[in-house]
């Protein structure tokens, strides 16, 4: 399990979302509700707020893989932490 947290450069925490957008021109189709897109955004949370970063189509696969890998690693770290917490409760943590 610990080996699953090897490459820190392959880390990108966030959530991928597809969203439609309005351009703001009054005569555009998006003003009638037909949004542009959908576009891919990475939403990240830090300091109590969220921020969305546009992901270009050419990077969608790479970003998706990094986000998935980071989620997998964080799940593995959560399991390790849970095990260590139980060892601490048993006074068996070394």
PDB file of N, CA and C in Angstrom:
ATOM      1  N   UNK A   1       0.823  -1.182   0.000  1.00  0.00           N
ATOM      2  CA  UNK A   1       0.000   0.000   0.000  1.00  0.00           C
ATOM      3  C   UNK A   1       0.876   1.256   0.000  1.00  0.00           C
ATOM      4  N   UNK A   2       1.935   1.298   0.789  1.00  0.00           N
ATOM      5  CA  UNK A   2       2.792   2.485   0.867  1.00  0.00           C
ATOM      6  C   UNK A   2       3.480   2.764  -0.463  1.00  0.00           C
ATOM      7  N   UNK A   3       3.694   1.754  -1.254  1.00  0.00           N
ATOM      8  CA  UNK A   3       4.351   1.957  -2.553  1.00  0.00           C
ATOM      9  C   UNK A   3       3.464   2.708  -3.539  1.00  0.00           C
ATOM     10  N   UNK A   4       2.193   2.805  -3.248  1.00  0.00           N
ATOM     11  CA  UNK A   4       1.274   3.479  -4.159  1.00  0.00           C
ATOM     12  C   UNK A   4       1.359   5.001  -4.067  1.00  0.00           C
ATOM     13  N   UNK A   5       2.257   5.528  -3.227  1.00  0.00           N
ATOM     14  CA  UNK A   5       2.402   6.977  -3.068  1.00  0.00           C
ATOM     15  C   UNK A   5       3.797   7.411  -3.487  1.00  0.00           C
ATOM     16  N   UNK A   6       4.254   6.963  -4.623  1.00  0.00           N
ATOM     17  CA  UNK A   6       5.632   7.196  -5.016  1.00  0.00           C
ATOM     18  C   UNK A   6       5.902   8.514  -5.723  1.00  0.00           C
ATOM     19  N   UNK A   7       5.241   8.833  -6.787  1.00  0.00           N
ATOM     20  CA  UNK A   7       5.620   9.953  -7.649  1.00  0.00           C
ATOM     21  C   UNK A   7       4.847  11.222  -7.301  1.00  0.00           C
ATOM     22  N   UNK A   8       5.444  12.118  -6.501  1.00  0.00           N
ATOM     23  CA  UNK A   8       4.716  13.325  -6.100  1.00  0.00           C
ATOM     24  C   UNK A   8       4.443  14.291  -7.252  1.00  0.00           C
ATOM     25  N   UNK A   9       5.188  14.188  -8.341  1.00  0.00           N
ATOM     26  CA  UNK A   9       4.952  15.067  -9.489  1.00  0.00           C
ATOM     27  C   UNK A   9       3.651  14.729 -10.208  1.00  0.00           C
ATOM     28  N   UNK A  10       3.165  13.529 -10.006  1.00  0.00           N
ATOM     29  CA  UNK A  10       1.914  13.107 -10.651  1.00  0.00           C
ATOM     30  C   UNK A  10       0.743  13.372  -9.718  1.00  0.00           C
ATOM     31  N   UNK A  11       0.732  14.547  -9.091  1.00  0.00           N
ATOM     32  CA  UNK A  11      -0.298  14.887  -8.114  1.00  0.00           C
ATOM     33  C   UNK A  11      -1.067  16.121  -8.568  1.00  0.00           C
ATOM     34  N   UNK A  12      -2.371  16.002  -8.641  1.00  0.00           N
ATOM     35  CA  UNK A  12      -3.232  17.134  -8.974  1.00  0.00           C
ATOM     36  C   UNK A  12      -4.571  16.904  -8.287  1.00  0.00           C
ATOM     37  N   UNK A  13      -4.790  17.635  -7.206  1.00  0.00           N
ATOM     38  CA  UNK A  13      -6.010  17.468  -6.418  1.00  0.00           C
ATOM     39  C   UNK A  13      -7.095  18.383  -6.977  1.00  0.00           C
ATOM     40  N   UNK A  14      -8.279  17.866  -7.091  1.00  0.00           N
ATOM     41  CA  UNK A  14      -9.403  18.663  -7.569  1.00  0.00           C
ATOM     42  C   UNK A  14     -10.496  17.772  -8.130  1.00  0.00           C
ATOM     43  N   UNK A  15     -11.505  18.428  -8.687  1.00  0.00           N
ATOM     44  CA  UNK A  15     -12.638  17.742  -9.282  1.00  0.00           C
ATOM     45  C   UNK A  15     -12.836  18.264 -10.701  1.00  0.00           C
ATOM     46  N   UNK A  16     -12.995  17.367 -11.644  1.00  0.00           N
ATOM     47  CA  UNK A  16     -13.237  17.784 -13.022  1.00  0.00           C
ATOM     48  C   UNK A  16     -14.736  17.960 -13.250  1.00  0.00           C
ATOM     49  N   UNK A  17     -15.084  19.060 -13.912  1.00  0.00           N
ATOM     50  CA  UNK A  17     -16.486  19.350 -14.208  1.00  0.00           C
ATOM     51  C   UNK A  17     -16.600  19.897 -15.619  1.00  0.00           C
ATOM     52  N   UNK A  18     -17.656  19.500 -16.303  1.00  0.00           N
ATOM     53  CA  UNK A  18     -17.972  20.078 -17.616  1.00  0.00           C
ATOM     54  C   UNK A  18     -19.044  21.134 -17.402  1.00  0.00           C
ATOM     55  N   UNK A  19     -18.816  22.314 -17.977  1.00  0.00           N
ATOM     56  CA  UNK A  19     -19.752  23.417 -17.790  1.00  0.00           C
ATOM     57  C   UNK A  19     -19.981  24.152 -19.098  1.00  0.00           C
ATOM     58  N   UNK A  20     -21.192  24.647 -19.272  1.00  0.00           N
ATOM     59  CA  UNK A  20     -21.504  25.548 -20.364  1.00  0.00           C
ATOM     60  C   UNK A  20     -21.290  26.977 -19.889  1.00  0.00           C
ATOM     61  N   UNK A  21     -21.015  27.878 -20.827  1.00  0.00           N
ATOM     62  CA  UNK A  21     -20.733  29.275 -20.470  1.00  0.00           C
ATOM     63  C   UNK A  21     -21.519  30.242 -21.330  1.00  0.00           C
ATOM     64  N   UNK A  22     -21.749  31.431 -20.792  1.00  0.00           N
ATOM     65  CA  UNK A  22     -22.330  32.553 -21.535  1.00  0.00           C
ATOM     66  C   UNK A  22     -21.203  33.496 -21.904  1.00  0.00           C
ATOM     67  N   UNK A  23     -21.265  34.072 -23.100  1.00  0.00           N
ATOM     68  CA  UNK A  23     -20.218  35.003 -23.529  1.00  0.00           C
ATOM     69  C   UNK A  23     -20.554  36.451 -23.170  1.00  0.00           C
ATOM     70  N   UNK A  24     -21.821  36.751 -22.930  1.00  0.00           N
ATOM     71  CA  UNK A  24     -22.215  38.092 -22.524  1.00  0.00           C
ATOM     72  C   UNK A  24     -22.759  38.966 -23.647  1.00  0.00           C
ATOM     73  N   UNK A  25     -22.660  38.518 -24.890  1.00  0.00           N
ATOM     74  CA  UNK A  25     -23.220  39.307 -26.005  1.00  0.00           C
ATOM     75  C   UNK A  25     -24.736  39.123 -26.038  1.00  0.00           C
ATOM     76  N   UNK A  26     -25.441  40.211 -26.084  1.00  0.00           N
ATOM     77  CA  UNK A  26     -26.909  40.175 -26.026  1.00  0.00           C
ATOM     78  C   UNK A  26     -27.519  39.427 -27.207  1.00  0.00           C
ATOM     79  N   UNK A  27     -26.886  39.488 -28.379  1.00  0.00           N
ATOM     80  CA  UNK A  27     -27.450  38.854 -29.571  1.00  0.00           C
ATOM     81  C   UNK A  27     -27.033  37.389 -29.743  1.00  0.00           C
ATOM     82  N   UNK A  28     -26.224  36.886 -28.855  1.00  0.00           N
ATOM     83  CA  UNK A  28     -25.709  35.514 -28.981  1.00  0.00           C
ATOM     84  C   UNK A  28     -26.756  34.490 -28.542  1.00  0.00           C
ATOM     85  N   UNK A  29     -26.632  33.287 -29.069  1.00  0.00           N
ATOM     86  CA  UNK A  29     -27.537  32.191 -28.717  1.00  0.00           C
ATOM     87  C   UNK A  29     -27.478  31.860 -27.229  1.00  0.00           C
ATOM     88  N   UNK A  30     -26.343  32.134 -26.585  1.00  0.00           N
ATOM     89  CA  UNK A  30     -26.227  31.811 -25.162  1.00  0.00           C
ATOM     90  C   UNK A  30     -27.110  32.723 -24.304  1.00  0.00           C
ATOM     91  N   UNK A  31     -27.456  33.890 -24.825  1.00  0.00           N
ATOM     92  CA  UNK A  31     -28.368  34.777 -24.103  1.00  0.00           C
ATOM     93  C   UNK A  31     -29.777  34.176 -24.037  1.00  0.00           C
ATOM     94  N   UNK A  32     -30.077  33.255 -24.956  1.00  0.00           N
ATOM     95  CA  UNK A  32     -31.375  32.566 -24.970  1.00  0.00           C
ATOM     96  C   UNK A  32     -31.309  31.228 -24.221  1.00  0.00           C
ATOM     97  N   UNK A  33     -30.161  30.942 -23.623  1.00  0.00           N
ATOM     98  CA  UNK A  33     -30.033  29.709 -22.844  1.00  0.00           C
ATOM     99  C   UNK A  33     -29.233  28.612 -23.507  1.00  0.00           C
ATOM    100  N   UNK A  34     -28.831  28.774 -24.777  1.00  0.00           N
ATOM    101  CA  UNK A  34     -28.019  27.776 -25.477  1.00  0.00           C
ATOM    102  C   UNK A  34     -26.549  28.088 -25.190  1.00  0.00           C
ATOM    103  N   UNK A  35     -26.031  27.523 -24.108  1.00  0.00           N
ATOM    104  CA  UNK A  35     -24.692  27.854 -23.638  1.00  0.00           C
ATOM    105  C   UNK A  35     -23.599  27.350 -24.573  1.00  0.00           C
ATOM    106  N   UNK A  36     -22.466  28.026 -24.544  1.00  0.00           N
ATOM    107  CA  UNK A  36     -21.278  27.576 -25.270  1.00  0.00           C
ATOM    108  C   UNK A  36     -20.652  26.416 -24.499  1.00  0.00           C
ATOM    109  N   UNK A  37     -20.019  25.522 -25.230  1.00  0.00           N
ATOM    110  CA  UNK A  37     -19.338  24.415 -24.563  1.00  0.00           C
ATOM    111  C   UNK A  37     -20.064  23.109 -24.817  1.00  0.00           C
ATOM    112  N   UNK A  38     -19.920  22.164 -23.944  1.00  0.00           N
ATOM    113  CA  UNK A  38     -19.372  22.279 -22.602  1.00  0.00           C
ATOM    114  C   UNK A  38     -17.842  22.342 -22.608  1.00  0.00           C
ATOM    115  N   UNK A  39     -17.311  23.023 -21.596  1.00  0.00           N
ATOM    116  CA  UNK A  39     -15.877  23.154 -21.391  1.00  0.00           C
ATOM    117  C   UNK A  39     -15.509  22.424 -20.117  1.00  0.00           C
ATOM    118  N   UNK A  40     -14.270  21.943 -20.072  1.00  0.00           N
ATOM    119  CA  UNK A  40     -13.795  21.191 -18.913  1.00  0.00           C
ATOM    120  C   UNK A  40     -13.053  22.131 -17.961  1.00  0.00           C
ATOM    121  N   UNK A  41     -13.385  22.030 -16.676  1.00  0.00           N
ATOM    122  CA  UNK A  41     -12.740  22.845 -15.641  1.00  0.00           C
ATOM    123  C   UNK A  41     -12.288  21.937 -14.501  1.00  0.00           C
ATOM    124  N   UNK A  42     -11.148  22.294 -13.909  1.00  0.00           N
ATOM    125  CA  UNK A  42     -10.678  21.646 -12.698  1.00  0.00           C
ATOM    126  C   UNK A  42     -11.036  22.573 -11.549  1.00  0.00           C
ATOM    127  N   UNK A  43     -11.827  22.071 -10.607  1.00  0.00           N
ATOM    128  CA  UNK A  43     -12.208  22.855  -9.445  1.00  0.00           C
ATOM    129  C   UNK A  43     -11.350  22.427  -8.270  1.00  0.00           C
ATOM    130  N   UNK A  44     -10.681  23.404  -7.656  1.00  0.00           N
ATOM    131  CA  UNK A  44      -9.817  23.139  -6.506  1.00  0.00           C
ATOM    132  C   UNK A  44     -10.300  23.978  -5.333  1.00  0.00           C
ATOM    133  N   UNK A  45     -10.129  23.448  -4.144  1.00  0.00           N
ATOM    134  CA  UNK A  45     -10.540  24.145  -2.924  1.00  0.00           C
ATOM    135  C   UNK A  45      -9.315  24.395  -2.069  1.00  0.00           C
ATOM    136  N   UNK A  46      -9.161  25.629  -1.624  1.00  0.00           N
ATOM    137  CA  UNK A  46      -8.081  25.963  -0.699  1.00  0.00           C
ATOM    138  C   UNK A  46      -8.462  27.221   0.062  1.00  0.00           C
ATOM    139  N   UNK A  47      -8.112  27.259   1.320  1.00  0.00           N
ATOM    140  CA  UNK A  47      -8.396  28.423   2.132  1.00  0.00           C
ATOM    141  C   UNK A  47      -9.867  28.732   2.288  1.00  0.00           C
ATOM    142  N   UNK A  48     -10.705  27.716   2.242  1.00  0.00           N
ATOM    143  CA  UNK A  48     -12.128  27.914   2.450  1.00  0.00           C
ATOM    144  C   UNK A  48     -12.915  28.279   1.204  1.00  0.00           C
ATOM    145  N   UNK A  49     -12.232  28.502   0.088  1.00  0.00           N
ATOM    146  CA  UNK A  49     -12.945  28.854  -1.134  1.00  0.00           C
ATOM    147  C   UNK A  49     -12.599  27.909  -2.266  1.00  0.00           C
ATOM    148  N   UNK A  50     -13.390  27.967  -3.305  1.00  0.00           N
ATOM    149  CA  UNK A  50     -13.146  27.138  -4.472  1.00  0.00           C
ATOM    150  C   UNK A  50     -12.752  27.987  -5.656  1.00  0.00           C
ATOM    151  N   UNK A  51     -12.025  27.398  -6.565  1.00  0.00           N
ATOM    152  CA  UNK A  51     -11.588  28.095  -7.769  1.00  0.00           C
ATOM    153  C   UNK A  51     -11.618  27.101  -8.918  1.00  0.00           C
ATOM    154  N   UNK A  52     -12.074  27.552 -10.077  1.00  0.00           N
ATOM    155  CA  UNK A  52     -12.105  26.697 -11.260  1.00  0.00           C
ATOM    156  C   UNK A  52     -11.062  27.167 -12.254  1.00  0.00           C
ATOM    157  N   UNK A  53     -10.349  26.207 -12.828  1.00  0.00           N
ATOM    158  CA  UNK A  53      -9.311  26.480 -13.813  1.00  0.00           C
ATOM    159  C   UNK A  53      -9.694  25.761 -15.098  1.00  0.00           C
ATOM    160  N   UNK A  54      -9.705  26.492 -16.202  1.00  0.00           N
ATOM    161  CA  UNK A  54     -10.051  25.907 -17.499  1.00  0.00           C
ATOM    162  C   UNK A  54      -9.012  24.868 -17.894  1.00  0.00           C
ATOM    163  N   UNK A  55      -9.475  23.725 -18.408  1.00  0.00           N
ATOM    164  CA  UNK A  55      -8.589  22.661 -18.888  1.00  0.00           C
ATOM    165  C   UNK A  55      -8.747  22.576 -20.399  1.00  0.00           C
ATOM    166  N   UNK A  56      -7.704  22.933 -21.170  1.00  0.00           N
ATOM    167  CA  UNK A  56      -7.790  22.820 -22.624  1.00  0.00           C
ATOM    168  C   UNK A  56      -8.043  21.366 -23.039  1.00  0.00           C
ATOM    169  N   UNK A  57      -8.759  21.195 -24.124  1.00  0.00           N
ATOM    170  CA  UNK A  57      -9.085  19.864 -24.610  1.00  0.00           C
ATOM    171  C   UNK A  57      -7.876  18.966 -24.794  1.00  0.00           C
ATOM    172  N   UNK A  58      -6.752  19.538 -25.245  1.00  0.00           N
ATOM    173  CA  UNK A  58      -5.543  18.751 -25.470  1.00  0.00           C
ATOM    174  C   UNK A  58      -4.960  18.199 -24.170  1.00  0.00           C
ATOM    175  N   UNK A  59      -5.314  18.804 -23.042  1.00  0.00           N
ATOM    176  CA  UNK A  59      -4.780  18.358 -21.751  1.00  0.00           C
ATOM    177  C   UNK A  59      -5.796  17.571 -20.931  1.00  0.00           C
ATOM    178  N   UNK A  60      -6.992  17.384 -21.442  1.00  0.00           N
ATOM    179  CA  UNK A  60      -8.058  16.732 -20.681  1.00  0.00           C
ATOM    180  C   UNK A  60      -7.663  15.332 -20.213  1.00  0.00           C
ATOM    181  N   UNK A  61      -7.067  14.541 -21.077  1.00  0.00           N
ATOM    182  CA  UNK A  61      -6.667  13.177 -20.703  1.00  0.00           C
ATOM    183  C   UNK A  61      -5.597  13.167 -19.633  1.00  0.00           C
ATOM    184  N   UNK A  62      -4.599  14.021 -19.789  1.00  0.00           N
ATOM    185  CA  UNK A  62      -3.510  14.104 -18.810  1.00  0.00           C
ATOM    186  C   UNK A  62      -4.032  14.568 -17.457  1.00  0.00           C
ATOM    187  N   UNK A  63      -4.831  15.640 -17.472  1.00  0.00           N
ATOM    188  CA  UNK A  63      -5.377  16.171 -16.219  1.00  0.00           C
ATOM    189  C   UNK A  63      -6.293  15.138 -15.560  1.00  0.00           C
ATOM    190  N   UNK A  64      -7.127  14.483 -16.335  1.00  0.00           N
ATOM    191  CA  UNK A  64      -8.004  13.451 -15.786  1.00  0.00           C
ATOM    192  C   UNK A  64      -7.227  12.323 -15.129  1.00  0.00           C
ATOM    193  N   UNK A  65      -6.145  11.896 -15.769  1.00  0.00           N
ATOM    194  CA  UNK A  65      -5.317  10.826 -15.212  1.00  0.00           C
ATOM    195  C   UNK A  65      -4.639  11.273 -13.918  1.00  0.00           C
ATOM    196  N   UNK A  66      -4.147  12.510 -13.882  1.00  0.00           N
ATOM    197  CA  UNK A  66      -3.503  13.018 -12.668  1.00  0.00           C
ATOM    198  C   UNK A  66      -4.493  13.131 -11.517  1.00  0.00           C
ATOM    199  N   UNK A  67      -5.691  13.619 -11.796  1.00  0.00           N
ATOM    200  CA  UNK A  67      -6.710  13.748 -10.755  1.00  0.00           C
ATOM    201  C   UNK A  67      -7.099  12.360 -10.227  1.00  0.00           C
ATOM    202  N   UNK A  68      -7.275  11.394 -11.121  1.00  0.00           N
ATOM    203  CA  UNK A  68      -7.635  10.036 -10.705  1.00  0.00           C
ATOM    204  C   UNK A  68      -6.519   9.394  -9.887  1.00  0.00           C
ATOM    205  N   UNK A  69      -5.274   9.584 -10.310  1.00  0.00           N
ATOM    206  CA  UNK A  69      -4.127   9.031  -9.579  1.00  0.00           C
ATOM    207  C   UNK A  69      -4.020   9.653  -8.197  1.00  0.00           C
ATOM    208  N   UNK A  70      -4.243  10.953  -8.108  1.00  0.00           N
ATOM    209  CA  UNK A  70      -4.183  11.632  -6.816  1.00  0.00           C
ATOM    210  C   UNK A  70      -5.277  11.108  -5.883  1.00  0.00           C
ATOM    211  N   UNK A  71      -6.474  10.908  -6.395  1.00  0.00           N
ATOM    212  CA  UNK A  71      -7.564  10.374  -5.577  1.00  0.00           C
ATOM    213  C   UNK A  71      -7.226   8.971  -5.088  1.00  0.00           C
ATOM    214  N   UNK A  72      -6.616   8.169  -5.947  1.00  0.00           N
ATOM    215  CA  UNK A  72      -6.220   6.806  -5.557  1.00  0.00           C
ATOM    216  C   UNK A  72      -5.184   6.861  -4.444  1.00  0.00           C
ATOM    217  N   UNK A  73      -4.200   7.747  -4.588  1.00  0.00           N
ATOM    218  CA  UNK A  73      -3.156   7.887  -3.561  1.00  0.00           C
ATOM    219  C   UNK A  73      -3.724   8.380  -2.241  1.00  0.00           C
ATOM    220  N   UNK A  74      -4.614   9.358  -2.315  1.00  0.00           N
ATOM    221  CA  UNK A  74      -5.199   9.882  -1.083  1.00  0.00           C
ATOM    222  C   UNK A  74      -6.031   8.822  -0.377  1.00  0.00           C
ATOM    223  N   UNK A  75      -6.680   7.956  -1.136  1.00  0.00           N
ATOM    224  CA  UNK A  75      -7.426   6.848  -0.529  1.00  0.00           C
ATOM    225  C   UNK A  75      -6.460   5.891   0.164  1.00  0.00           C
ATOM    226  N   UNK A  76      -5.324   5.605  -0.476  1.00  0.00           N
ATOM    227  CA  UNK A  76      -4.317   4.725   0.129  1.00  0.00           C
ATOM    228  C   UNK A  76      -3.754   5.350   1.402  1.00  0.00           C
ATOM    229  N   UNK A  77      -3.477   6.654   1.372  1.00  0.00           N
ATOM    230  CA  UNK A  77      -2.979   7.335   2.567  1.00  0.00           C
ATOM    231  C   UNK A  77      -4.028   7.323   3.679  1.00  0.00           C
ATOM    232  N   UNK A  78      -5.292   7.453   3.311  1.00  0.00           N
ATOM    233  CA  UNK A  78      -6.362   7.377   4.294  1.00  0.00           C
ATOM    234  C   UNK A  78      -6.398   6.017   4.977  1.00  0.00           C
ATOM    235  N   UNK A  79      -6.204   4.955   4.197  1.00  0.00           N
ATOM    236  CA  UNK A  79      -6.170   3.613   4.771  1.00  0.00           C
ATOM    237  C   UNK A  79      -4.983   3.448   5.711  1.00  0.00           C
ATOM    238  N   UNK A  80      -3.819   3.939   5.297  1.00  0.00           N
ATOM    239  CA  UNK A  80      -2.624   3.852   6.134  1.00  0.00           C
ATOM    240  C   UNK A  80      -2.836   4.621   7.432  1.00  0.00           C
ATOM    241  N   UNK A  81      -3.413   5.808   7.330  1.00  0.00           N
ATOM    242  CA  UNK A  81      -3.689   6.613   8.508  1.00  0.00           C
ATOM    243  C   UNK A  81      -4.649   5.889   9.451  1.00  0.00           C
ATOM    244  N   UNK A  82      -5.673   5.268   8.882  1.00  0.00           N
ATOM    245  CA  UNK A  82      -6.638   4.525   9.682  1.00  0.00           C
ATOM    246  C   UNK A  82      -5.950   3.385  10.434  1.00  0.00           C
ATOM    247  N   UNK A  83      -5.070   2.667   9.767  1.00  0.00           N
ATOM    248  CA  UNK A  83      -4.325   1.565  10.397  1.00  0.00           C
ATOM    249  C   UNK A  83      -3.439   2.103  11.515  1.00  0.00           C
ATOM    250  N   UNK A  84      -2.726   3.198  11.247  1.00  0.00           N
ATOM    251  CA  UNK A  84      -1.853   3.779  12.267  1.00  0.00           C
ATOM    252  C   UNK A  84      -2.644   4.290  13.461  1.00  0.00           C
ATOM    253  N   UNK A  85      -3.825   4.840  13.233  1.00  0.00           N
ATOM    254  CA  UNK A  85      -4.676   5.287  14.327  1.00  0.00           C
ATOM    255  C   UNK A  85      -5.082   4.110  15.209  1.00  0.00           C
ATOM    256  N   UNK A  86      -5.443   3.013  14.569  1.00  0.00           N
ATOM    257  CA  UNK A  86      -5.815   1.824  15.340  1.00  0.00           C
ATOM    258  C   UNK A  86      -4.615   1.294  16.127  1.00  0.00           C
ATOM    259  N   UNK A  87      -3.430   1.302  15.524  1.00  0.00           N
ATOM    260  CA  UNK A  87      -2.223   0.877  16.244  1.00  0.00           C
ATOM    261  C   UNK A  87      -1.943   1.797  17.429  1.00  0.00           C
ATOM    262  N   UNK A  88      -2.164   3.088  17.268  1.00  0.00           N
ATOM    263  CA  UNK A  88      -1.982   4.016  18.372  1.00  0.00           C
ATOM    264  C   UNK A  88      -2.954   3.719  19.503  1.00  0.00           C
ATOM    265  N   UNK A  89      -4.201   3.438  19.155  1.00  0.00           N
ATOM    266  CA  UNK A  89      -5.192   3.094  20.183  1.00  0.00           C
ATOM    267  C   UNK A  89      -4.795   1.844  20.966  1.00  0.00           C
ATOM    268  N   UNK A  90      -4.142   0.911  20.282  1.00  0.00           N
ATOM    269  CA  UNK A  90      -3.700  -0.329  20.915  1.00  0.00           C
ATOM    270  C   UNK A  90      -2.336  -0.169  21.576  1.00  0.00           C
ATOM    271  N   UNK A  91      -1.767   1.030  21.475  1.00  0.00           N
ATOM    272  CA  UNK A  91      -0.424   1.323  22.003  1.00  0.00           C
ATOM    273  C   UNK A  91       0.642   0.465  21.332  1.00  0.00           C
ATOM    274  N   UNK A  92       0.418   0.152  20.047  1.00  0.00           N
ATOM    275  CA  UNK A  92       1.341  -0.708  19.307  1.00  0.00           C
ATOM    276  C   UNK A  92       2.021   0.046  18.169  1.00  0.00           C
ATOM    277  N   UNK A  93       1.894   1.358  18.145  1.00  0.00           N
ATOM    278  CA  UNK A  93       2.491   2.168  17.070  1.00  0.00           C
ATOM    279  C   UNK A  93       3.994   2.274  17.286  1.00  0.00           C
ATOM    280  N   UNK A  94       4.769   1.915  16.272  1.00  0.00           N
ATOM    281  CA  UNK A  94       6.237   1.976  16.405  1.00  0.00           C
ATOM    282  C   UNK A  94       6.801   3.052  15.515  1.00  0.00           C
TER     283      UNK A  94
END
